[in-house]
Amino acid sequence: DGLSNEEIGLCDMVVSVPTSEEYPIMNITHAAAII
C-alpha cells in the first residue's frame, strides 16, 4: 500500500520514479536503488 496520505503529509517533499503506465508500481528495493 505504500505510504498513507497522513504519512505523506508528514514529509517535506515526495519523490517518485517515472515508470510505465502499464505497470507503474515498482518493488521497493528497485525504487530504492534508482534513488
All heavy atoms as atom14 arrays in JSON, in Angstrom:
{
  "sequence": "DGLSNEEIGLCDMVVSVPTSEEYPIMNITHAAAII",
  "atom14_mask": [
    [1, 1, 1, 1, 1, 1, 1, 1, 0, 0, 0, 0, 0, 0],
    [1, 1, 1, 1, 0, 0, 0, 0, 0, 0, 0, 0, 0, 0],
    [1, 1, 1, 1, 1, 1, 1, 1, 0, 0, 0, 0, 0, 0],
    [1, 1, 1, 1, 1, 1, 0, 0, 0, 0, 0, 0, 0, 0],
    [1, 1, 1, 1, 1, 1, 1, 1, 0, 0, 0, 0, 0, 0],
    [1, 1, 1, 1, 1, 1, 1, 1, 1, 0, 0, 0, 0, 0],
    [1, 1, 1, 1, 1, 1, 1, 1, 1, 0, 0, 0, 0, 0],
    [1, 1, 1, 1, 1, 1, 1, 1, 0, 0, 0, 0, 0, 0],
    [1, 1, 1, 1, 0, 0, 0, 0, 0, 0, 0, 0, 0, 0],
    [1, 1, 1, 1, 1, 1, 1, 1, 0, 0, 0, 0, 0, 0],
    [1, 1, 1, 1, 1, 1, 0, 0, 0, 0, 0, 0, 0, 0],
    [1, 1, 1, 1, 1, 1, 1, 1, 0, 0, 0, 0, 0, 0],
    [1, 1, 1, 1, 1, 1, 1, 1, 0, 0, 0, 0, 0, 0],
    [1, 1, 1, 1, 1, 1, 1, 0, 0, 0, 0, 0, 0, 0],
    [1, 1, 1, 1, 1, 1, 1, 0, 0, 0, 0, 0, 0, 0],
    [1, 1, 1, 1, 1, 1, 0, 0, 0, 0, 0, 0, 0, 0],
    [1, 1, 1, 1, 1, 1, 1, 0, 0, 0, 0, 0, 0, 0],
    [1, 1, 1, 1, 1, 1, 1, 0, 0, 0, 0, 0, 0, 0],
    [1, 1, 1, 1, 1, 1, 1, 0, 0, 0, 0, 0, 0, 0],
    [1, 1, 1, 1, 1, 1, 0, 0, 0, 0, 0, 0, 0, 0],
    [1, 1, 1, 1, 1, 1, 1, 1, 1, 0, 0, 0, 0, 0],
    [1, 1, 1, 1, 1, 1, 1, 1, 1, 0, 0, 0, 0, 0],
    [1, 1, 1, 1, 1, 1, 1, 1, 1, 1, 1, 1, 0, 0],
    [1, 1, 1, 1, 1, 1, 1, 0, 0, 0, 0, 0, 0, 0],
    [1, 1, 1, 1, 1, 1, 1, 1, 0, 0, 0, 0, 0, 0],
    [1, 1, 1, 1, 1, 1, 1, 1, 0, 0, 0, 0, 0, 0],
    [1, 1, 1, 1, 1, 1, 1, 1, 0, 0, 0, 0, 0, 0],
    [1, 1, 1, 1, 1, 1, 1, 1, 0, 0, 0, 0, 0, 0],
    [1, 1, 1, 1, 1, 1, 1, 0, 0, 0, 0, 0, 0, 0],
    [1, 1, 1, 1, 1, 1, 1, 1, 1, 1, 0, 0, 0, 0],
    [1, 1, 1, 1, 1, 0, 0, 0, 0, 0, 0, 0, 0, 0],
    [1, 1, 1, 1, 1, 0, 0, 0, 0, 0, 0, 0, 0, 0],
    [1, 1, 1, 1, 1, 0, 0, 0, 0, 0, 0, 0, 0, 0],
    [1, 1, 1, 1, 1, 1, 1, 1, 0, 0, 0, 0, 0, 0],
    [1, 1, 1, 1, 1, 1, 1, 1, 0, 0, 0, 0, 0, 0]
  ],
  "atom14_positions": [
    [[0.79, -1.23, 0.0], [0.0, 0.0, 0.0], [0.82, 1.29, 0.0], [0.26, 2.38, -0.09], [-0.92, 0.02, 1.23], [-1.89, -1.15, 1.23], [-2.32, -1.55, 0.14], [-2.2, -1.67, 2.32], [0.0, 0.0, 0.0], [0.0, 0.0, 0.0], [0.0, 0.0, 0.0], [0.0, 0.0, 0.0], [0.0, 0.0, 0.0], [0.0, 0.0, 0.0]],
    [[2.12, 1.21, 0.14], [2.94, 2.41, 0.18], [2.7, 3.22, 1.44], [2.31, 2.69, 2.48], [0.0, 0.0, 0.0], [0.0, 0.0, 0.0], [0.0, 0.0, 0.0], [0.0, 0.0, 0.0], [0.0, 0.0, 0.0], [0.0, 0.0, 0.0], [0.0, 0.0, 0.0], [0.0, 0.0, 0.0], [0.0, 0.0, 0.0], [0.0, 0.0, 0.0]],
    [[2.9, 4.51, 1.35], [2.69, 5.41, 2.48], [1.26, 5.94, 2.44], [0.72, 6.22, 1.37], [3.66, 6.59, 2.41], [5.15, 6.27, 2.55], [5.99, 7.52, 2.3], [5.46, 5.69, 3.92], [0.0, 0.0, 0.0], [0.0, 0.0, 0.0], [0.0, 0.0, 0.0], [0.0, 0.0, 0.0], [0.0, 0.0, 0.0], [0.0, 0.0, 0.0]],
    [[0.67, 6.11, 3.61], [-0.68, 6.68, 3.69], [-0.61, 8.18, 3.42], [0.46, 8.8, 3.46], [-1.27, 6.43, 5.07], [-0.56, 7.2, 6.06], [0.0, 0.0, 0.0], [0.0, 0.0, 0.0], [0.0, 0.0, 0.0], [0.0, 0.0, 0.0], [0.0, 0.0, 0.0], [0.0, 0.0, 0.0], [0.0, 0.0, 0.0], [0.0, 0.0, 0.0]],
    [[-1.77, 8.77, 3.16], [-1.82, 10.22, 2.97], [-1.33, 10.96, 4.22], [-0.68, 12.0, 4.12], [-3.25, 10.66, 2.63], [-3.66, 10.26, 1.23], [-2.82, 10.11, 0.35], [-4.94, 10.08, 1.01], [0.0, 0.0, 0.0], [0.0, 0.0, 0.0], [0.0, 0.0, 0.0], [0.0, 0.0, 0.0], [0.0, 0.0, 0.0], [0.0, 0.0, 0.0]],
    [[-1.66, 10.42, 5.39], [-1.2, 11.05, 6.63], [0.32, 11.02, 6.74], [0.95, 11.99, 7.16], [-1.83, 10.36, 7.84], [-3.33, 10.59, 8.01], [-4.16, 9.75, 7.04], [-3.61, 8.81, 6.39], [-5.37, 10.05, 6.9], [0.0, 0.0, 0.0], [0.0, 0.0, 0.0], [0.0, 0.0, 0.0], [0.0, 0.0, 0.0], [0.0, 0.0, 0.0]],
    [[0.92, 9.89, 6.36], [2.38, 9.77, 6.41], [3.05, 10.67, 5.37], [4.06, 11.32, 5.66], [2.78, 8.31, 6.2], [2.42, 7.43, 7.39], [2.39, 5.95, 7.08], [2.33, 5.58, 5.88], [2.4, 5.14, 8.03], [0.0, 0.0, 0.0], [0.0, 0.0, 0.0], [0.0, 0.0, 0.0], [0.0, 0.0, 0.0], [0.0, 0.0, 0.0]],
    [[2.47, 10.73, 4.18], [2.98, 11.65, 3.16], [2.91, 13.08, 3.67], [3.81, 13.9, 3.44], [2.17, 11.52, 1.85], [2.51, 10.2, 1.13], [2.43, 12.7, 0.92], [3.86, 10.15, 0.46], [0.0, 0.0, 0.0], [0.0, 0.0, 0.0], [0.0, 0.0, 0.0], [0.0, 0.0, 0.0], [0.0, 0.0, 0.0], [0.0, 0.0, 0.0]],
    [[1.84, 13.39, 4.41], [1.67, 14.74, 4.94], [2.74, 15.14, 5.93], [2.96, 16.33, 6.16], [0.0, 0.0, 0.0], [0.0, 0.0, 0.0], [0.0, 0.0, 0.0], [0.0, 0.0, 0.0], [0.0, 0.0, 0.0], [0.0, 0.0, 0.0], [0.0, 0.0, 0.0], [0.0, 0.0, 0.0], [0.0, 0.0, 0.0], [0.0, 0.0, 0.0]],
    [[3.41, 14.17, 6.54], [4.49, 14.47, 7.49], [5.8, 14.81, 6.78], [6.73, 15.33, 7.4], [4.72, 13.27, 8.42], [3.58, 12.9, 9.36], [3.9, 11.59, 10.08], [3.33, 14.01, 10.37], [0.0, 0.0, 0.0], [0.0, 0.0, 0.0], [0.0, 0.0, 0.0], [0.0, 0.0, 0.0], [0.0, 0.0, 0.0], [0.0, 0.0, 0.0]],
    [[5.87, 14.5, 5.49], [7.12, 14.65, 4.74], [7.27, 16.07, 4.18], [6.29, 16.74, 3.87], [7.18, 13.64, 3.6], [7.19, 11.91, 4.17], [0.0, 0.0, 0.0], [0.0, 0.0, 0.0], [0.0, 0.0, 0.0], [0.0, 0.0, 0.0], [0.0, 0.0, 0.0], [0.0, 0.0, 0.0], [0.0, 0.0, 0.0], [0.0, 0.0, 0.0]],
    [[8.52, 16.49, 4.03], [8.81, 17.8, 3.46], [8.66, 17.8, 1.96], [8.41, 18.84, 1.34], [10.23, 18.23, 3.83], [10.4, 18.42, 5.32], [9.73, 19.32, 5.87], [11.17, 17.68, 5.94], [0.0, 0.0, 0.0], [0.0, 0.0, 0.0], [0.0, 0.0, 0.0], [0.0, 0.0, 0.0], [0.0, 0.0, 0.0], [0.0, 0.0, 0.0]],
    [[8.87, 16.66, 1.34], [8.76, 16.54, -0.11], [8.52, 15.08, -0.46], [8.65, 14.2, 0.39], [10.02, 17.05, -0.8], [11.24, 16.2, -0.52], [12.77, 17.07, -0.82], [12.81, 18.09, 0.66], [0.0, 0.0, 0.0], [0.0, 0.0, 0.0], [0.0, 0.0, 0.0], [0.0, 0.0, 0.0], [0.0, 0.0, 0.0], [0.0, 0.0, 0.0]],
    [[8.16, 14.85, -1.72], [7.88, 13.49, -2.19], [8.69, 13.25, -3.46], [8.81, 14.13, -4.31], [6.37, 13.31, -2.49], [6.1, 11.94, -3.08], [5.54, 13.51, -1.23], [0.0, 0.0, 0.0], [0.0, 0.0, 0.0], [0.0, 0.0, 0.0], [0.0, 0.0, 0.0], [0.0, 0.0, 0.0], [0.0, 0.0, 0.0], [0.0, 0.0, 0.0]],
    [[9.24, 12.05, -3.59], [9.98, 11.67, -4.78], [9.31, 10.45, -5.4], [8.81, 9.58, -4.68], [11.47, 11.39, -4.46], [11.62, 10.2, -3.53], [12.27, 11.19, -5.73], [0.0, 0.0, 0.0], [0.0, 0.0, 0.0], [0.0, 0.0, 0.0], [0.0, 0.0, 0.0], [0.0, 0.0, 0.0], [0.0, 0.0, 0.0], [0.0, 0.0, 0.0]],
    [[9.28, 10.4, -6.73], [8.65, 9.29, -7.43], [9.49, 8.93, -8.64], [10.0, 9.81, -9.34], [7.23, 9.66, -7.86], [6.57, 8.55, -8.44], [0.0, 0.0, 0.0], [0.0, 0.0, 0.0], [0.0, 0.0, 0.0], [0.0, 0.0, 0.0], [0.0, 0.0, 0.0], [0.0, 0.0, 0.0], [0.0, 0.0, 0.0], [0.0, 0.0, 0.0]],
    [[9.63, 7.63, -8.9], [10.38, 7.15, -10.06], [9.43, 7.03, -11.25], [8.43, 6.32, -11.16], [11.03, 5.78, -9.77], [11.78, 5.28, -11.0], [11.97, 5.88, -8.57], [0.0, 0.0, 0.0], [0.0, 0.0, 0.0], [0.0, 0.0, 0.0], [0.0, 0.0, 0.0], [0.0, 0.0, 0.0], [0.0, 0.0, 0.0], [0.0, 0.0, 0.0]],
    [[9.7, 7.73, -12.37], [8.83, 7.61, -13.53], [8.84, 6.18, -14.07], [9.9, 5.59, -14.25], [9.46, 8.58, -14.55], [10.32, 9.5, -13.74], [10.81, 8.68, -12.59], [0.0, 0.0, 0.0], [0.0, 0.0, 0.0], [0.0, 0.0, 0.0], [0.0, 0.0, 0.0], [0.0, 0.0, 0.0], [0.0, 0.0, 0.0], [0.0, 0.0, 0.0]],
    [[7.66, 5.63, -14.3], [7.54, 4.25, -14.78], [6.46, 4.18, -15.86], [5.73, 5.14, -16.1], [7.15, 3.31, -13.62], [5.99, 3.82, -12.97], [8.28, 3.18, -12.6], [0.0, 0.0, 0.0], [0.0, 0.0, 0.0], [0.0, 0.0, 0.0], [0.0, 0.0, 0.0], [0.0, 0.0, 0.0], [0.0, 0.0, 0.0], [0.0, 0.0, 0.0]],
    [[6.32, 3.03, -16.45], [5.3, 2.79, -17.46], [3.91, 2.81, -16.83], [3.71, 2.28, -15.72], [5.54, 1.44, -18.13], [4.42, 1.05, -18.91], [0.0, 0.0, 0.0], [0.0, 0.0, 0.0], [0.0, 0.0, 0.0], [0.0, 0.0, 0.0], [0.0, 0.0, 0.0], [0.0, 0.0, 0.0], [0.0, 0.0, 0.0], [0.0, 0.0, 0.0]],
    [[2.95, 3.42, -17.53], [1.57, 3.42, -17.04], [1.0, 2.01, -16.99], [0.07, 1.73, -16.23], [0.7, 4.3, -17.93], [1.03, 5.79, -17.84], [0.11, 6.63, -18.7], [-0.79, 6.05, -19.35], [0.29, 7.86, -18.72], [0.0, 0.0, 0.0], [0.0, 0.0, 0.0], [0.0, 0.0, 0.0], [0.0, 0.0, 0.0], [0.0, 0.0, 0.0]],
    [[1.55, 1.11, -17.81], [1.05, -0.26, -17.86], [1.31, -1.0, -16.55], [0.51, -1.84, -16.13], [1.72, -1.0, -19.01], [1.21, -2.41, -19.23], [1.85, -3.07, -20.44], [2.53, -2.36, -21.21], [1.69, -4.29, -20.59], [0.0, 0.0, 0.0], [0.0, 0.0, 0.0], [0.0, 0.0, 0.0], [0.0, 0.0, 0.0], [0.0, 0.0, 0.0]],
    [[2.45, -0.68, -15.89], [2.79, -1.34, -14.62], [3.62, -0.36, -13.81], [4.84, -0.46, -13.74], [3.57, -2.63, -14.9], [3.74, -3.53, -13.7], [2.88, -3.47, -12.6], [4.78, -4.46, -13.66], [3.04, -4.3, -11.51], [4.95, -5.3, -12.56], [4.08, -5.21, -11.49], [4.25, -6.03, -10.4], [0.0, 0.0, 0.0], [0.0, 0.0, 0.0]],
    [[2.97, 0.61, -13.16], [3.69, 1.74, -12.57], [4.36, 1.48, -11.23], [5.29, 2.19, -10.85], [2.6, 2.81, -12.41], [1.35, 2.01, -12.23], [1.5, 0.79, -13.09], [0.0, 0.0, 0.0], [0.0, 0.0, 0.0], [0.0, 0.0, 0.0], [0.0, 0.0, 0.0], [0.0, 0.0, 0.0], [0.0, 0.0, 0.0], [0.0, 0.0, 0.0]],
    [[3.89, 0.48, -10.48], [4.38, 0.29, -9.11], [5.62, -0.59, -9.11], [5.6, -1.73, -9.6], [3.3, -0.32, -8.21], [2.03, 0.53, -8.25], [3.81, -0.44, -6.78], [2.22, 1.96, -7.82], [0.0, 0.0, 0.0], [0.0, 0.0, 0.0], [0.0, 0.0, 0.0], [0.0, 0.0, 0.0], [0.0, 0.0, 0.0], [0.0, 0.0, 0.0]],
    [[6.72, -0.07, -8.54], [7.98, -0.8, -8.51], [8.15, -1.52, -7.17], [7.61, -1.1, -6.15], [9.16, 0.16, -8.68], [9.2, 0.91, -9.98], [10.7, 1.9, -10.13], [11.92, 0.58, -10.34], [0.0, 0.0, 0.0], [0.0, 0.0, 0.0], [0.0, 0.0, 0.0], [0.0, 0.0, 0.0], [0.0, 0.0, 0.0], [0.0, 0.0, 0.0]],
    [[8.94, -2.58, -7.2], [9.4, -3.19, -5.96], [10.21, -2.16, -5.19], [10.98, -1.39, -5.76], [10.26, -4.42, -6.29], [10.79, -5.09, -5.04], [11.76, -4.63, -4.44], [10.16, -6.17, -4.64], [0.0, 0.0, 0.0], [0.0, 0.0, 0.0], [0.0, 0.0, 0.0], [0.0, 0.0, 0.0], [0.0, 0.0, 0.0], [0.0, 0.0, 0.0]],
    [[10.03, -2.14, -3.88], [10.66, -1.11, -3.06], [12.18, -1.08, -3.22], [12.78, 0.0, -3.3], [10.29, -1.3, -1.57], [10.97, -0.22, -0.73], [10.61, -2.67, -1.07], [10.59, -0.26, 0.72], [0.0, 0.0, 0.0], [0.0, 0.0, 0.0], [0.0, 0.0, 0.0], [0.0, 0.0, 0.0], [0.0, 0.0, 0.0], [0.0, 0.0, 0.0]],
    [[12.81, -2.24, -3.31], [14.27, -2.24, -3.39], [14.76, -1.75, -4.76], [15.82, -1.15, -4.85], [14.83, -3.64, -3.11], [14.21, -4.6, -3.98], [14.55, -4.04, -1.67], [0.0, 0.0, 0.0], [0.0, 0.0, 0.0], [0.0, 0.0, 0.0], [0.0, 0.0, 0.0], [0.0, 0.0, 0.0], [0.0, 0.0, 0.0], [0.0, 0.0, 0.0]],
    [[13.98, -1.99, -5.81], [14.34, -1.47, -7.13], [14.25, 0.06, -7.13], [15.15, 0.75, -7.63], [13.42, -2.04, -8.2], [13.55, -3.51, -8.37], [12.67, -4.27, -9.12], [14.45, -4.4, -7.86], [13.02, -5.54, -9.08], [14.1, -5.64, -8.33], [0.0, 0.0, 0.0], [0.0, 0.0, 0.0], [0.0, 0.0, 0.0], [0.0, 0.0, 0.0]],
    [[13.15, 0.58, -6.57], [12.99, 2.03, -6.49], [14.1, 2.64, -5.63], [14.65, 3.7, -5.98], [11.62, 2.37, -5.91], [0.0, 0.0, 0.0], [0.0, 0.0, 0.0], [0.0, 0.0, 0.0], [0.0, 0.0, 0.0], [0.0, 0.0, 0.0], [0.0, 0.0, 0.0], [0.0, 0.0, 0.0], [0.0, 0.0, 0.0], [0.0, 0.0, 0.0]],
    [[14.42, 1.98, -4.52], [15.47, 2.5, -3.64], [16.8, 2.57, -4.36], [17.53, 3.58, -4.26], [15.59, 1.61, -2.4], [0.0, 0.0, 0.0], [0.0, 0.0, 0.0], [0.0, 0.0, 0.0], [0.0, 0.0, 0.0], [0.0, 0.0, 0.0], [0.0, 0.0, 0.0], [0.0, 0.0, 0.0], [0.0, 0.0, 0.0], [0.0, 0.0, 0.0]],
    [[17.14, 1.54, -5.11], [18.42, 1.52, -5.82], [18.51, 2.66, -6.83], [19.57, 3.29, -6.98], [18.63, 0.17, -6.51], [0.0, 0.0, 0.0], [0.0, 0.0, 0.0], [0.0, 0.0, 0.0], [0.0, 0.0, 0.0], [0.0, 0.0, 0.0], [0.0, 0.0, 0.0], [0.0, 0.0, 0.0], [0.0, 0.0, 0.0], [0.0, 0.0, 0.0]],
    [[17.4, 2.95, -7.53], [17.39, 4.05, -8.5], [17.6, 5.38, -7.8], [18.39, 6.22, -8.23], [16.06, 4.05, -9.3], [16.01, 2.83, -10.23], [15.91, 5.35, -10.09], [14.67, 2.64, -10.9], [0.0, 0.0, 0.0], [0.0, 0.0, 0.0], [0.0, 0.0, 0.0], [0.0, 0.0, 0.0], [0.0, 0.0, 0.0], [0.0, 0.0, 0.0]],
    [[16.9, 5.58, -6.7], [17.03, 6.84, -5.95], [18.45, 6.99, -5.4], [19.07, 8.06, -5.52], [15.99, 6.9, -4.82], [14.57, 7.0, -5.41], [16.26, 8.08, -3.88], [13.46, 6.81, -4.38], [0.0, 0.0, 0.0], [0.0, 0.0, 0.0], [0.0, 0.0, 0.0], [0.0, 0.0, 0.0], [0.0, 0.0, 0.0], [0.0, 0.0, 0.0]]
  ]
}
